Structures are given as C-alpha cells and as structure tokens.
Amino acid sequence: MVASLRQMQSQVQSLSERLNAMAAQPATIAAPAPRIATREPGRRVRPIAIPRKAARSADDPHWRQMQTKIAEQQKQIDTTREEASQARKELNSTRDELGGSIAKTHEELATLQKHGERNYYGFQLDKSKQFHAAGPLSLSLRKVNVKQGYYDLVLVVDDRQLEKKRESL
C-alpha cells in the first residue's frame, strides 16, 4: 500500500511539473512551419510536417480537466494515507491485545483460564502409534529427534487426520 502511495505521489508530481512547464510557455501560437519536400529520382514526393506546440491557457478545457484529475488523485492519496494510518493503529492495538492473551507460564495460563477466554488441556505425550485424547483432539507422537530438533506428530480433529512432519522443537 505504501509503495503504491509513493508511486501515485511521484506520478502526481511529474504531472504537476509538466502542467507548470506548459503554463510557463508563451501564450502566442506560432505560425505553422512550411512543408519541405525532397525528391530523388525514381521516388515519390513525400511531404514532411513539422509539429507545432500550442500554449495552454487557464481557460483551456483540457487544462481544467487535467487540474481536476490531479485534484482527484490527491484526494485518493490523502484517503489512502488515512486508511493506512488507521490500519497501522488497529494492527498495533490488536498486537497488544493478543500479546496479553498468550500465556508463557503456568500462572499466566491459570489466569487466562479463570477469565474464561479459552479451554486449556494438559497432557503428556509419549512416542507411539496409538492416539491420545487431549480435549477435542487426538494426538499421536510418531518420531522425535532431539539432536536435530524436530518431531513428527499426527492429529485427529473432527474426524480428519493431519500429519505434521519435521516440526521444530
């Protein structure tokens, strides 16, 4: 979102610079340049037109149209900035709220359980192919490698079997 905001700002700035450059040009319109034709033996004559630049005035409808487009783009940029700052604030508040509801010790776990925010189930799991029920889950520890720091686990949740392989300890 920030990258697109910066890109829009650079586009608006370049358009503004172009419009200012056009406004700074003299208001007189130059006479059309004469057409120059060259002829070589055996070739057709082809006229070469030299383009002319027309000066823009404040009353020009194209000029006003560009100014309104730039104003609309600036409004969109401001709206996007406000939305980004609001989203940032919401993210920070959510992070603060979630940080408080993650238990790291047994005492914090007991406190959260007293508040009734979640149900907690304690269990001890040994390596086996048999499933061990822990609350609404059934677990089976299939493999543990302490040296390399991983384990393989099979979960059964709502009659669906999920395998977690090489999970980090």
N, C-alpha and C. Protein backbone atom coordinates (compact mmCIF):
# COMPACT_ATOMS: atom_id res chain seq x y z
N MET A 1 0.82 -1.17 0.00
CA MET A 1 0.00 0.00 0.00
C MET A 1 0.88 1.26 0.00
N VAL A 2 1.95 1.22 0.79
CA VAL A 2 2.87 2.36 0.87
C VAL A 2 3.57 2.55 -0.47
N ALA A 3 3.95 1.45 -1.11
CA ALA A 3 4.64 1.55 -2.40
C ALA A 3 3.72 2.16 -3.45
N SER A 4 2.45 1.75 -3.49
CA SER A 4 1.52 2.32 -4.46
C SER A 4 1.26 3.79 -4.15
N LEU A 5 1.24 4.15 -2.87
CA LEU A 5 1.05 5.54 -2.48
C LEU A 5 2.22 6.38 -2.98
N ARG A 6 3.43 5.88 -2.81
CA ARG A 6 4.61 6.62 -3.29
C ARG A 6 4.60 6.74 -4.81
N GLN A 7 4.17 5.70 -5.48
CA GLN A 7 4.12 5.73 -6.94
C GLN A 7 3.11 6.77 -7.40
N MET A 8 1.93 6.82 -6.76
CA MET A 8 0.93 7.81 -7.11
C MET A 8 1.44 9.22 -6.86
N GLN A 9 2.16 9.41 -5.76
CA GLN A 9 2.69 10.74 -5.46
C GLN A 9 3.69 11.17 -6.52
N SER A 10 4.54 10.26 -6.96
CA SER A 10 5.51 10.61 -7.99
C SER A 10 4.82 10.93 -9.31
N GLN A 11 3.74 10.21 -9.64
CA GLN A 11 3.00 10.50 -10.86
C GLN A 11 2.33 11.86 -10.78
N VAL A 12 1.74 12.18 -9.64
CA VAL A 12 1.10 13.47 -9.47
C VAL A 12 2.13 14.59 -9.57
N GLN A 13 3.29 14.38 -8.97
CA GLN A 13 4.34 15.39 -9.02
C GLN A 13 4.83 15.60 -10.45
N SER A 14 5.03 14.53 -11.21
CA SER A 14 5.50 14.68 -12.58
C SER A 14 4.45 15.37 -13.45
N LEU A 15 3.16 15.05 -13.24
CA LEU A 15 2.10 15.72 -13.99
C LEU A 15 2.04 17.20 -13.63
N SER A 16 2.21 17.52 -12.37
CA SER A 16 2.20 18.92 -11.95
C SER A 16 3.35 19.68 -12.61
N GLU A 17 4.53 19.06 -12.65
CA GLU A 17 5.67 19.71 -13.28
C GLU A 17 5.43 19.94 -14.76
N ARG A 18 4.83 18.98 -15.44
CA ARG A 18 4.51 19.14 -16.86
C ARG A 18 3.51 20.27 -17.07
N LEU A 19 2.47 20.28 -16.23
CA LEU A 19 1.47 21.34 -16.37
C LEU A 19 2.07 22.71 -16.10
N ASN A 20 2.93 22.82 -15.11
CA ASN A 20 3.58 24.10 -14.83
C ASN A 20 4.47 24.52 -16.00
N ALA A 21 5.15 23.55 -16.61
CA ALA A 21 6.00 23.87 -17.75
C ALA A 21 5.16 24.34 -18.93
N MET A 22 4.00 23.74 -19.14
CA MET A 22 3.12 24.16 -20.22
C MET A 22 2.57 25.56 -19.97
N ALA A 23 2.26 25.85 -18.71
CA ALA A 23 1.72 27.16 -18.37
C ALA A 23 2.78 28.24 -18.52
N ALA A 24 4.05 27.89 -18.34
CA ALA A 24 5.13 28.86 -18.41
C ALA A 24 5.49 29.21 -19.86
N GLN A 25 5.05 28.43 -20.83
CA GLN A 25 5.36 28.72 -22.23
C GLN A 25 4.61 29.97 -22.68
N PRO A 26 5.14 30.70 -23.69
CA PRO A 26 4.47 31.92 -24.16
C PRO A 26 3.09 31.60 -24.71
N ALA A 27 2.17 32.54 -24.56
CA ALA A 27 0.78 32.34 -24.93
C ALA A 27 0.54 32.51 -26.42
N THR A 28 1.50 32.92 -27.19
CA THR A 28 1.32 33.11 -28.62
C THR A 28 1.46 31.78 -29.33
N ILE A 29 0.70 31.63 -30.38
CA ILE A 29 0.74 30.41 -31.16
C ILE A 29 1.57 30.70 -32.41
N ALA A 30 2.57 29.93 -32.63
CA ALA A 30 3.45 30.14 -33.78
C ALA A 30 2.74 29.72 -35.06
N ALA A 31 3.10 30.35 -36.14
CA ALA A 31 2.53 30.01 -37.44
C ALA A 31 3.03 28.63 -37.85
N PRO A 32 2.20 27.91 -38.61
CA PRO A 32 2.64 26.58 -38.99
C PRO A 32 3.91 26.63 -39.85
N ALA A 33 4.76 25.68 -39.61
CA ALA A 33 6.02 25.62 -40.35
C ALA A 33 5.75 25.16 -41.77
N PRO A 34 6.53 25.66 -42.70
CA PRO A 34 6.32 25.25 -44.09
C PRO A 34 6.68 23.77 -44.27
N ARG A 35 5.99 23.16 -45.21
CA ARG A 35 6.28 21.77 -45.51
C ARG A 35 7.45 21.71 -46.47
N ILE A 36 8.34 20.79 -46.18
CA ILE A 36 9.53 20.64 -47.01
C ILE A 36 9.43 19.31 -47.73
N ALA A 37 9.60 19.37 -49.02
CA ALA A 37 9.52 18.15 -49.81
C ALA A 37 10.86 17.92 -50.49
N THR A 38 11.29 16.68 -50.47
CA THR A 38 12.53 16.33 -51.17
C THR A 38 12.20 15.31 -52.23
N ARG A 39 12.98 15.36 -53.29
CA ARG A 39 12.69 14.42 -54.38
C ARG A 39 13.98 13.81 -54.87
N GLU A 40 13.97 12.53 -54.92
CA GLU A 40 15.07 11.79 -55.50
C GLU A 40 14.55 11.13 -56.75
N PRO A 41 15.42 10.89 -57.71
CA PRO A 41 14.95 10.26 -58.95
C PRO A 41 14.35 8.88 -58.67
N GLY A 42 13.18 8.64 -59.21
CA GLY A 42 12.53 7.34 -59.07
C GLY A 42 11.73 7.17 -57.78
N ARG A 43 11.66 8.18 -56.94
CA ARG A 43 10.90 8.09 -55.69
C ARG A 43 9.77 9.09 -55.71
N ARG A 44 8.75 8.77 -54.95
CA ARG A 44 7.61 9.67 -54.85
C ARG A 44 7.92 10.80 -53.88
N VAL A 45 7.24 11.90 -54.04
CA VAL A 45 7.43 13.05 -53.16
C VAL A 45 6.60 12.82 -51.91
N ARG A 46 7.23 12.97 -50.77
CA ARG A 46 6.55 12.79 -49.50
C ARG A 46 6.75 14.04 -48.66
N PRO A 47 5.68 14.75 -48.33
CA PRO A 47 5.84 15.96 -47.53
C PRO A 47 6.20 15.61 -46.08
N ILE A 48 7.04 16.42 -45.48
CA ILE A 48 7.44 16.23 -44.09
C ILE A 48 6.82 17.36 -43.27
N ALA A 49 6.00 17.01 -42.30
CA ALA A 49 5.34 18.03 -41.48
C ALA A 49 6.12 18.20 -40.19
N ILE A 50 6.32 19.42 -39.78
CA ILE A 50 6.99 19.72 -38.52
C ILE A 50 5.91 20.11 -37.52
N PRO A 51 5.79 19.38 -36.41
CA PRO A 51 4.73 19.68 -35.45
C PRO A 51 4.97 21.01 -34.75
N ARG A 52 3.88 21.66 -34.34
CA ARG A 52 3.99 22.91 -33.62
C ARG A 52 3.41 22.73 -32.23
N LYS A 53 3.89 23.53 -31.32
CA LYS A 53 3.42 23.46 -29.94
C LYS A 53 2.42 24.57 -29.71
N ALA A 54 1.33 24.23 -29.06
CA ALA A 54 0.32 25.22 -28.73
C ALA A 54 0.41 25.52 -27.24
N ALA A 55 0.31 26.76 -26.89
CA ALA A 55 0.37 27.16 -25.49
C ALA A 55 -0.98 26.93 -24.83
N ARG A 56 -0.96 26.56 -23.56
CA ARG A 56 -2.18 26.31 -22.81
C ARG A 56 -2.51 27.54 -21.97
N SER A 57 -3.74 27.89 -21.96
CA SER A 57 -4.15 29.00 -21.11
C SER A 57 -5.03 28.45 -19.99
N ALA A 58 -5.32 29.26 -19.02
CA ALA A 58 -6.12 28.84 -17.87
C ALA A 58 -7.56 28.55 -18.28
N ASP A 59 -8.01 29.08 -19.44
CA ASP A 59 -9.38 28.87 -19.89
C ASP A 59 -9.53 27.62 -20.74
N ASP A 60 -8.44 26.98 -21.05
CA ASP A 60 -8.47 25.80 -21.89
C ASP A 60 -9.18 24.66 -21.16
N PRO A 61 -10.17 24.00 -21.78
CA PRO A 61 -10.90 22.91 -21.09
C PRO A 61 -10.00 21.71 -20.78
N HIS A 62 -9.01 21.44 -21.61
CA HIS A 62 -8.10 20.32 -21.33
C HIS A 62 -7.27 20.61 -20.08
N TRP A 63 -6.89 21.88 -19.95
CA TRP A 63 -6.11 22.30 -18.77
C TRP A 63 -6.93 22.10 -17.50
N ARG A 64 -8.19 22.54 -17.55
CA ARG A 64 -9.06 22.38 -16.38
C ARG A 64 -9.32 20.91 -16.08
N GLN A 65 -9.46 20.11 -17.13
CA GLN A 65 -9.69 18.68 -16.94
C GLN A 65 -8.49 18.03 -16.25
N MET A 66 -7.29 18.41 -16.66
CA MET A 66 -6.09 17.87 -16.02
C MET A 66 -6.00 18.30 -14.56
N GLN A 67 -6.36 19.56 -14.30
CA GLN A 67 -6.32 20.04 -12.92
C GLN A 67 -7.32 19.29 -12.04
N THR A 68 -8.50 19.01 -12.56
CA THR A 68 -9.49 18.24 -11.77
C THR A 68 -9.01 16.82 -11.54
N LYS A 69 -8.37 16.21 -12.55
CA LYS A 69 -7.84 14.86 -12.37
C LYS A 69 -6.76 14.83 -11.30
N ILE A 70 -5.91 15.84 -11.32
CA ILE A 70 -4.85 15.91 -10.30
C ILE A 70 -5.45 16.09 -8.92
N ALA A 71 -6.48 16.92 -8.82
CA ALA A 71 -7.14 17.13 -7.52
C ALA A 71 -7.77 15.82 -7.03
N GLU A 72 -8.39 15.06 -7.94
CA GLU A 72 -8.99 13.76 -7.56
C GLU A 72 -7.90 12.79 -7.09
N GLN A 73 -6.78 12.76 -7.80
CA GLN A 73 -5.68 11.88 -7.41
C GLN A 73 -5.16 12.26 -6.03
N GLN A 74 -5.05 13.55 -5.76
CA GLN A 74 -4.57 14.00 -4.45
C GLN A 74 -5.55 13.58 -3.35
N LYS A 75 -6.84 13.65 -3.63
CA LYS A 75 -7.84 13.20 -2.65
C LYS A 75 -7.69 11.71 -2.39
N GLN A 76 -7.47 10.94 -3.44
CA GLN A 76 -7.29 9.50 -3.28
C GLN A 76 -6.03 9.20 -2.47
N ILE A 77 -4.97 9.94 -2.71
CA ILE A 77 -3.73 9.75 -1.95
C ILE A 77 -3.96 10.05 -0.48
N ASP A 78 -4.66 11.16 -0.19
CA ASP A 78 -4.95 11.51 1.20
C ASP A 78 -5.81 10.45 1.87
N THR A 79 -6.81 9.94 1.16
CA THR A 79 -7.67 8.89 1.70
C THR A 79 -6.86 7.63 1.99
N THR A 80 -5.98 7.27 1.07
CA THR A 80 -5.15 6.07 1.25
C THR A 80 -4.22 6.24 2.44
N ARG A 81 -3.66 7.45 2.61
CA ARG A 81 -2.82 7.70 3.77
C ARG A 81 -3.59 7.51 5.07
N GLU A 82 -4.80 8.08 5.11
CA GLU A 82 -5.61 7.95 6.32
C GLU A 82 -5.95 6.49 6.61
N GLU A 83 -6.32 5.73 5.56
CA GLU A 83 -6.64 4.32 5.74
C GLU A 83 -5.42 3.54 6.22
N ALA A 84 -4.25 3.85 5.67
CA ALA A 84 -3.02 3.15 6.09
C ALA A 84 -2.70 3.45 7.54
N SER A 85 -2.84 4.71 7.96
CA SER A 85 -2.55 5.04 9.36
C SER A 85 -3.57 4.39 10.29
N GLN A 86 -4.83 4.33 9.88
CA GLN A 86 -5.86 3.67 10.69
C GLN A 86 -5.57 2.18 10.80
N ALA A 87 -5.18 1.55 9.69
CA ALA A 87 -4.86 0.12 9.71
C ALA A 87 -3.65 -0.15 10.60
N ARG A 88 -2.66 0.75 10.57
CA ARG A 88 -1.49 0.60 11.41
C ARG A 88 -1.87 0.67 12.89
N LYS A 89 -2.77 1.62 13.23
CA LYS A 89 -3.22 1.74 14.62
C LYS A 89 -3.97 0.49 15.07
N GLU A 90 -4.85 -0.02 14.19
CA GLU A 90 -5.61 -1.22 14.52
C GLU A 90 -4.68 -2.42 14.70
N LEU A 91 -3.67 -2.53 13.85
CA LEU A 91 -2.72 -3.62 13.95
C LEU A 91 -1.97 -3.57 15.27
N ASN A 92 -1.52 -2.38 15.65
CA ASN A 92 -0.81 -2.23 16.92
C ASN A 92 -1.70 -2.57 18.11
N SER A 93 -2.96 -2.13 18.08
CA SER A 93 -3.85 -2.43 19.20
C SER A 93 -4.17 -3.92 19.25
N THR A 94 -4.33 -4.56 18.09
CA THR A 94 -4.59 -6.00 18.06
C THR A 94 -3.39 -6.77 18.58
N ARG A 95 -2.20 -6.33 18.18
CA ARG A 95 -0.98 -6.99 18.65
C ARG A 95 -0.87 -6.87 20.17
N ASP A 96 -1.20 -5.69 20.71
CA ASP A 96 -1.15 -5.51 22.16
C ASP A 96 -2.16 -6.40 22.86
N GLU A 97 -3.38 -6.51 22.29
CA GLU A 97 -4.41 -7.35 22.90
C GLU A 97 -4.00 -8.82 22.87
N LEU A 98 -3.48 -9.27 21.71
CA LEU A 98 -3.08 -10.67 21.60
C LEU A 98 -1.86 -10.98 22.44
N GLY A 99 -0.98 -10.03 22.58
CA GLY A 99 0.21 -10.24 23.40
C GLY A 99 -0.16 -10.54 24.83
N GLY A 100 -1.25 -9.95 25.31
CA GLY A 100 -1.69 -10.19 26.68
C GLY A 100 -2.40 -11.51 26.85
N SER A 101 -2.91 -12.12 25.78
CA SER A 101 -3.66 -13.36 25.93
C SER A 101 -2.84 -14.59 25.52
N ILE A 102 -1.54 -14.45 25.45
CA ILE A 102 -0.68 -15.61 25.19
C ILE A 102 0.06 -15.92 26.49
N ALA A 103 -0.22 -17.07 27.00
CA ALA A 103 0.37 -17.47 28.28
C ALA A 103 1.75 -18.06 28.05
N LYS A 104 2.70 -17.64 28.88
CA LYS A 104 4.06 -18.16 28.78
C LYS A 104 4.43 -18.99 30.00
N THR A 105 3.71 -18.83 31.08
CA THR A 105 3.98 -19.59 32.30
C THR A 105 2.69 -20.23 32.78
N HIS A 106 2.81 -21.13 33.74
CA HIS A 106 1.64 -21.80 34.28
C HIS A 106 0.70 -20.81 34.99
N GLU A 107 1.28 -19.81 35.66
CA GLU A 107 0.45 -18.82 36.36
C GLU A 107 -0.37 -18.00 35.37
N GLU A 108 0.25 -17.58 34.26
CA GLU A 108 -0.48 -16.84 33.23
C GLU A 108 -1.57 -17.71 32.61
N LEU A 109 -1.28 -18.98 32.42
CA LEU A 109 -2.27 -19.91 31.89
C LEU A 109 -3.46 -20.02 32.83
N ALA A 110 -3.19 -20.13 34.12
CA ALA A 110 -4.27 -20.22 35.10
C ALA A 110 -5.10 -18.94 35.12
N THR A 111 -4.45 -17.80 34.99
CA THR A 111 -5.16 -16.52 34.96
C THR A 111 -6.08 -16.43 33.75
N LEU A 112 -5.57 -16.80 32.58
CA LEU A 112 -6.40 -16.77 31.37
C LEU A 112 -7.56 -17.73 31.46
N GLN A 113 -7.32 -18.88 32.09
CA GLN A 113 -8.39 -19.87 32.22
C GLN A 113 -9.47 -19.35 33.16
N LYS A 114 -9.08 -18.59 34.20
CA LYS A 114 -10.06 -18.00 35.12
C LYS A 114 -10.91 -16.95 34.41
N HIS A 115 -10.29 -16.22 33.47
CA HIS A 115 -11.05 -15.22 32.71
C HIS A 115 -12.04 -15.88 31.76
N GLY A 116 -11.86 -17.15 31.51
CA GLY A 116 -12.79 -17.88 30.65
C GLY A 116 -12.61 -17.62 29.18
N GLU A 117 -11.43 -17.17 28.77
CA GLU A 117 -11.21 -16.87 27.36
C GLU A 117 -11.05 -18.13 26.52
N ARG A 118 -10.46 -19.17 27.11
CA ARG A 118 -10.22 -20.41 26.36
C ARG A 118 -10.28 -21.59 27.31
N ASN A 119 -10.38 -22.77 26.72
CA ASN A 119 -10.26 -24.01 27.49
C ASN A 119 -8.87 -24.56 27.26
N TYR A 120 -8.22 -24.96 28.34
CA TYR A 120 -6.86 -25.48 28.26
C TYR A 120 -6.84 -26.92 28.75
N TYR A 121 -6.10 -27.74 28.03
CA TYR A 121 -5.99 -29.15 28.37
C TYR A 121 -4.52 -29.50 28.55
N GLY A 122 -4.19 -30.10 29.66
CA GLY A 122 -2.83 -30.54 29.90
C GLY A 122 -2.71 -32.01 29.57
N PHE A 123 -1.59 -32.40 29.00
CA PHE A 123 -1.38 -33.81 28.66
C PHE A 123 0.11 -34.08 28.55
N GLN A 124 0.43 -35.36 28.64
CA GLN A 124 1.80 -35.82 28.43
C GLN A 124 1.73 -36.81 27.29
N LEU A 125 2.62 -36.67 26.33
CA LEU A 125 2.56 -37.46 25.13
C LEU A 125 3.85 -38.25 24.96
N ASP A 126 3.73 -39.58 24.86
CA ASP A 126 4.88 -40.44 24.60
C ASP A 126 4.82 -40.93 23.17
N LYS A 127 5.98 -41.33 22.65
CA LYS A 127 6.07 -41.81 21.29
C LYS A 127 5.31 -43.13 21.16
N SER A 128 4.30 -43.13 20.26
CA SER A 128 3.55 -44.35 19.99
C SER A 128 2.67 -44.14 18.77
N LYS A 129 2.14 -45.24 18.24
CA LYS A 129 1.24 -45.14 17.11
C LYS A 129 -0.21 -45.02 17.58
N GLN A 130 -0.44 -45.21 18.85
CA GLN A 130 -1.78 -45.08 19.44
C GLN A 130 -2.09 -43.59 19.64
N PHE A 131 -3.35 -43.23 19.48
CA PHE A 131 -3.77 -41.84 19.67
C PHE A 131 -4.12 -41.59 21.12
N HIS A 132 -3.78 -40.41 21.60
CA HIS A 132 -4.05 -39.99 22.97
C HIS A 132 -5.04 -38.82 22.89
N ALA A 133 -6.18 -38.92 23.56
CA ALA A 133 -7.19 -37.87 23.53
C ALA A 133 -6.77 -36.73 24.45
N ALA A 134 -6.80 -35.52 23.94
CA ALA A 134 -6.50 -34.32 24.73
C ALA A 134 -7.53 -33.27 24.34
N GLY A 135 -8.62 -33.18 25.12
CA GLY A 135 -9.70 -32.25 24.79
C GLY A 135 -10.38 -32.69 23.51
N PRO A 136 -10.62 -31.79 22.56
CA PRO A 136 -11.30 -32.16 21.32
C PRO A 136 -10.36 -32.79 20.29
N LEU A 137 -9.09 -32.99 20.63
CA LEU A 137 -8.10 -33.55 19.71
C LEU A 137 -7.68 -34.94 20.14
N SER A 138 -7.14 -35.66 19.17
CA SER A 138 -6.43 -36.90 19.45
C SER A 138 -5.06 -36.76 18.83
N LEU A 139 -4.03 -37.09 19.62
CA LEU A 139 -2.65 -36.89 19.18
C LEU A 139 -1.87 -38.18 19.22
N SER A 140 -0.91 -38.28 18.28
CA SER A 140 -0.01 -39.40 18.27
C SER A 140 1.37 -38.89 17.89
N LEU A 141 2.33 -39.05 18.81
CA LEU A 141 3.70 -38.64 18.56
C LEU A 141 4.41 -39.80 17.88
N ARG A 142 4.81 -39.60 16.62
CA ARG A 142 5.37 -40.69 15.84
C ARG A 142 6.89 -40.74 15.91
N LYS A 143 7.56 -39.59 15.90
CA LYS A 143 9.01 -39.59 15.85
C LYS A 143 9.52 -38.33 16.52
N VAL A 144 10.63 -38.47 17.27
CA VAL A 144 11.28 -37.34 17.91
C VAL A 144 12.77 -37.45 17.67
N ASN A 145 13.38 -36.36 17.22
CA ASN A 145 14.83 -36.32 17.02
C ASN A 145 15.33 -35.10 17.79
N VAL A 146 15.80 -35.35 19.00
CA VAL A 146 16.26 -34.26 19.86
C VAL A 146 17.54 -33.64 19.32
N LYS A 147 18.40 -34.47 18.77
CA LYS A 147 19.69 -33.99 18.27
C LYS A 147 19.50 -32.97 17.15
N GLN A 148 18.62 -33.24 16.21
CA GLN A 148 18.36 -32.32 15.11
C GLN A 148 17.20 -31.37 15.41
N GLY A 149 16.49 -31.59 16.49
CA GLY A 149 15.47 -30.66 16.98
C GLY A 149 14.17 -30.66 16.20
N TYR A 150 13.62 -31.85 15.91
CA TYR A 150 12.32 -31.89 15.26
C TYR A 150 11.52 -33.09 15.74
N TYR A 151 10.22 -33.07 15.41
CA TYR A 151 9.34 -34.18 15.75
C TYR A 151 8.29 -34.34 14.66
N ASP A 152 7.69 -35.53 14.60
CA ASP A 152 6.58 -35.83 13.70
C ASP A 152 5.37 -36.13 14.56
N LEU A 153 4.23 -35.56 14.20
CA LEU A 153 3.02 -35.67 15.00
C LEU A 153 1.84 -35.91 14.08
N VAL A 154 0.86 -36.72 14.55
CA VAL A 154 -0.38 -36.94 13.80
C VAL A 154 -1.52 -36.48 14.69
N LEU A 155 -2.39 -35.61 14.15
CA LEU A 155 -3.53 -35.07 14.89
C LEU A 155 -4.82 -35.57 14.26
N VAL A 156 -5.81 -35.82 15.06
CA VAL A 156 -7.14 -36.13 14.55
C VAL A 156 -8.07 -35.05 15.10
N VAL A 157 -8.62 -34.25 14.19
CA VAL A 157 -9.52 -33.16 14.55
C VAL A 157 -10.78 -33.31 13.72
N ASP A 158 -11.93 -33.44 14.38
CA ASP A 158 -13.21 -33.57 13.68
C ASP A 158 -13.15 -34.67 12.62
N ASP A 159 -12.65 -35.82 12.99
CA ASP A 159 -12.53 -36.99 12.11
C ASP A 159 -11.63 -36.76 10.90
N ARG A 160 -10.77 -35.80 10.98
CA ARG A 160 -9.79 -35.57 9.92
C ARG A 160 -8.41 -35.78 10.51
N GLN A 161 -7.59 -36.49 9.77
CA GLN A 161 -6.25 -36.81 10.25
C GLN A 161 -5.25 -35.87 9.58
N LEU A 162 -4.47 -35.16 10.40
CA LEU A 162 -3.47 -34.22 9.92
C LEU A 162 -2.09 -34.68 10.36
N GLU A 163 -1.15 -34.67 9.43
CA GLU A 163 0.22 -35.06 9.78
C GLU A 163 1.09 -33.82 9.79
N LYS A 164 1.83 -33.65 10.86
CA LYS A 164 2.80 -32.57 10.98
C LYS A 164 4.17 -33.22 11.03
N LYS A 165 4.94 -33.04 9.96
CA LYS A 165 6.25 -33.69 9.89
C LYS A 165 7.35 -32.66 10.01
N ARG A 166 8.42 -33.05 10.67
CA ARG A 166 9.62 -32.25 10.85
C ARG A 166 9.30 -30.87 11.44
N GLU A 167 8.45 -30.87 12.45
CA GLU A 167 8.13 -29.62 13.17
C GLU A 167 9.27 -29.33 14.13
N SER A 168 9.63 -28.07 14.24
CA SER A 168 10.75 -27.67 15.08
C SER A 168 10.40 -27.78 16.55
N LEU A 169 11.37 -28.27 17.34
CA LEU A 169 11.18 -28.31 18.78
C LEU A 169 11.28 -26.91 19.32
